[in-house]
N, C-alpha and C. Protein backbone atom coordinates (compact mmCIF):
# COMPACT_ATOMS: atom_id res chain seq x y z
N MET A 1 107.81 38.19 214.52
CA MET A 1 108.16 37.39 213.36
C MET A 1 106.92 37.19 212.49
N THR A 2 107.09 37.33 211.20
CA THR A 2 105.97 37.17 210.28
C THR A 2 105.83 35.71 209.89
N LYS A 3 104.70 35.39 209.29
CA LYS A 3 104.44 34.02 208.89
C LYS A 3 104.53 33.83 207.38
N TYR A 4 105.03 34.84 206.69
CA TYR A 4 105.20 34.72 205.25
C TYR A 4 106.42 33.86 204.94
N GLU A 5 106.31 33.08 203.88
CA GLU A 5 107.44 32.26 203.47
C GLU A 5 108.56 33.17 202.95
N ILE A 6 109.78 32.84 203.31
CA ILE A 6 110.96 33.57 202.85
C ILE A 6 111.88 32.57 202.16
N ILE A 7 112.23 32.86 200.92
CA ILE A 7 113.16 32.02 200.18
C ILE A 7 114.53 32.68 200.26
N LEU A 8 115.50 31.94 200.75
CA LEU A 8 116.85 32.48 201.00
C LEU A 8 117.85 31.78 200.09
N TYR A 9 118.67 32.57 199.41
CA TYR A 9 119.69 31.97 198.55
C TYR A 9 120.87 32.94 198.39
N TRP A 10 122.01 32.38 197.99
CA TRP A 10 123.21 33.17 197.74
C TRP A 10 123.19 33.66 196.30
N SER A 11 123.47 34.93 196.09
CA SER A 11 123.55 35.51 194.76
C SER A 11 125.00 35.86 194.46
N VAL A 12 125.57 35.17 193.50
CA VAL A 12 126.95 35.46 193.10
C VAL A 12 127.04 36.86 192.53
N ASP A 13 126.03 37.24 191.71
CA ASP A 13 126.03 38.56 191.09
C ASP A 13 126.03 39.69 192.11
N ASP A 14 125.26 39.51 193.20
CA ASP A 14 125.16 40.54 194.23
C ASP A 14 126.20 40.38 195.33
N GLY A 15 126.80 39.21 195.43
CA GLY A 15 127.76 38.95 196.50
C GLY A 15 127.10 39.01 197.87
N ALA A 16 125.84 38.54 197.93
CA ALA A 16 125.09 38.60 199.18
C ALA A 16 124.01 37.52 199.19
N PHE A 17 123.49 37.26 200.38
CA PHE A 17 122.33 36.39 200.50
C PHE A 17 121.09 37.22 200.18
N ILE A 18 120.18 36.64 199.42
CA ILE A 18 118.93 37.29 199.04
C ILE A 18 117.79 36.57 199.75
N ALA A 19 116.88 37.34 200.32
CA ALA A 19 115.69 36.80 200.98
C ALA A 19 114.47 37.35 200.26
N GLU A 20 113.77 36.48 199.52
CA GLU A 20 112.59 36.90 198.78
C GLU A 20 111.32 36.42 199.49
N VAL A 21 110.28 37.25 199.40
CA VAL A 21 108.99 36.93 200.01
C VAL A 21 107.99 36.82 198.86
N PRO A 22 107.80 35.60 198.33
CA PRO A 22 107.00 35.45 197.11
C PRO A 22 105.54 35.86 197.24
N GLU A 23 104.98 35.83 198.43
CA GLU A 23 103.57 36.19 198.60
C GLU A 23 103.34 37.71 198.58
N LEU A 24 104.42 38.48 198.73
CA LEU A 24 104.32 39.94 198.71
C LEU A 24 105.13 40.45 197.51
N PRO A 25 104.46 40.76 196.40
CA PRO A 25 105.16 41.14 195.17
C PRO A 25 106.21 42.24 195.39
N GLY A 26 107.41 41.97 194.89
CA GLY A 26 108.49 42.94 194.98
C GLY A 26 109.17 43.01 196.33
N CYS A 27 108.77 42.17 197.26
CA CYS A 27 109.32 42.22 198.61
C CYS A 27 110.55 41.30 198.70
N ALA A 28 111.71 41.91 198.90
CA ALA A 28 112.96 41.17 199.02
C ALA A 28 113.96 42.01 199.80
N ALA A 29 114.95 41.32 200.35
CA ALA A 29 116.01 42.00 201.08
C ALA A 29 117.30 41.21 200.86
N ASP A 30 118.41 41.80 201.29
CA ASP A 30 119.67 41.08 201.18
C ASP A 30 120.52 41.33 202.41
N GLY A 31 121.64 40.63 202.47
CA GLY A 31 122.57 40.80 203.58
C GLY A 31 123.81 39.96 203.36
N PRO A 32 124.90 40.31 204.02
CA PRO A 32 126.15 39.57 203.85
C PRO A 32 126.12 38.18 204.49
N THR A 33 125.19 37.96 205.42
CA THR A 33 125.04 36.65 206.05
C THR A 33 123.57 36.24 205.93
N ARG A 34 123.31 34.95 206.13
CA ARG A 34 121.93 34.46 206.08
C ARG A 34 121.07 35.17 207.12
N GLN A 35 121.63 35.29 208.34
CA GLN A 35 120.85 35.89 209.42
C GLN A 35 120.53 37.36 209.13
N GLU A 36 121.49 38.09 208.60
CA GLU A 36 121.24 39.50 208.28
C GLU A 36 120.21 39.64 207.16
N ALA A 37 120.26 38.74 206.17
CA ALA A 37 119.26 38.79 205.10
C ALA A 37 117.87 38.51 205.66
N LEU A 38 117.75 37.54 206.57
CA LEU A 38 116.46 37.23 207.18
C LEU A 38 115.97 38.38 208.06
N THR A 39 116.87 38.96 208.83
CA THR A 39 116.50 40.11 209.67
C THR A 39 116.02 41.27 208.80
N ASN A 40 116.74 41.53 207.73
CA ASN A 40 116.35 42.61 206.82
C ASN A 40 115.01 42.30 206.14
N ALA A 41 114.77 41.03 205.84
CA ALA A 41 113.49 40.64 205.22
C ALA A 41 112.33 40.92 206.17
N GLU A 42 112.51 40.65 207.46
CA GLU A 42 111.44 40.91 208.44
C GLU A 42 111.10 42.41 208.46
N ILE A 43 112.12 43.25 208.38
CA ILE A 43 111.90 44.70 208.36
C ILE A 43 111.16 45.11 207.09
N VAL A 44 111.60 44.58 205.96
CA VAL A 44 110.99 44.94 204.68
C VAL A 44 109.54 44.44 204.60
N ILE A 45 109.26 43.28 205.19
CA ILE A 45 107.89 42.76 205.21
C ILE A 45 106.99 43.75 205.95
N GLN A 46 107.43 44.22 207.11
CA GLN A 46 106.63 45.18 207.87
C GLN A 46 106.43 46.48 207.09
N GLU A 47 107.49 46.94 206.42
CA GLU A 47 107.37 48.16 205.62
C GLU A 47 106.43 47.95 204.44
N TRP A 48 106.48 46.78 203.81
CA TRP A 48 105.60 46.45 202.69
C TRP A 48 104.15 46.52 203.15
N ILE A 49 103.86 45.90 204.31
CA ILE A 49 102.50 45.88 204.85
C ILE A 49 102.03 47.28 205.21
N GLU A 50 102.89 48.07 205.86
CA GLU A 50 102.53 49.44 206.23
C GLU A 50 102.22 50.28 204.99
N THR A 51 103.03 50.13 203.95
CA THR A 51 102.82 50.89 202.72
C THR A 51 101.51 50.47 202.05
N ALA A 52 101.24 49.16 202.01
CA ALA A 52 99.99 48.68 201.42
C ALA A 52 98.79 49.23 202.19
N GLN A 53 98.88 49.28 203.52
CA GLN A 53 97.79 49.83 204.33
C GLN A 53 97.58 51.30 204.01
N GLU A 54 98.67 52.07 203.93
CA GLU A 54 98.57 53.50 203.64
C GLU A 54 97.94 53.75 202.28
N LEU A 55 98.22 52.86 201.31
CA LEU A 55 97.69 53.03 199.95
C LEU A 55 96.34 52.36 199.76
N GLY A 56 95.84 51.71 200.81
CA GLY A 56 94.55 51.03 200.73
C GLY A 56 94.57 49.78 199.87
N ARG A 57 95.72 49.18 199.74
CA ARG A 57 95.85 47.97 198.93
C ARG A 57 95.66 46.72 199.80
N PRO A 58 95.18 45.64 199.19
CA PRO A 58 94.98 44.41 199.96
C PRO A 58 96.32 43.80 200.40
N ILE A 59 96.29 43.18 201.56
CA ILE A 59 97.47 42.51 202.10
C ILE A 59 97.17 41.01 202.10
N PRO A 60 97.94 40.24 201.33
CA PRO A 60 97.68 38.80 201.27
C PRO A 60 97.87 38.13 202.63
N GLU A 61 97.01 37.16 202.91
CA GLU A 61 97.19 36.36 204.12
C GLU A 61 98.34 35.40 203.88
N PRO A 62 99.17 35.16 204.89
CA PRO A 62 100.26 34.19 204.70
C PRO A 62 99.68 32.80 204.41
N LYS A 63 100.19 32.18 203.37
CA LYS A 63 99.73 30.84 202.99
C LYS A 63 100.62 29.77 203.60
N GLY A 64 101.79 30.18 204.05
CA GLY A 64 102.71 29.17 204.56
C GLY A 64 103.56 28.62 203.43
N ARG A 65 103.71 27.35 203.42
CA ARG A 65 104.61 26.69 202.50
C ARG A 65 104.11 26.67 201.06
N LEU A 66 105.02 26.93 200.13
CA LEU A 66 104.69 26.84 198.71
C LEU A 66 104.50 25.39 198.32
N LEU A 67 103.62 25.15 197.37
CA LEU A 67 103.40 23.80 196.90
C LEU A 67 104.34 23.43 195.76
N PHE A 68 105.09 24.41 195.25
CA PHE A 68 106.04 24.16 194.17
C PHE A 68 107.19 25.14 194.33
N ALA A 69 108.29 24.80 193.69
CA ALA A 69 109.45 25.71 193.71
C ALA A 69 110.25 25.55 192.44
């Protein structure tokens, strides 16, 4: 399990739960249930990190909780 914050919400437009990872630009996943969206987000986080490593890009340290929303 990663320590990055995940924001989970229902999207009427997509008809699915969306899980966004604000500390990793462009990192998001979806799923028909909350649990599936979270599970998919964990997979996408790992893929995001692996891709950043391959490209030599910096990987942000998890900050934990956002101070604003």
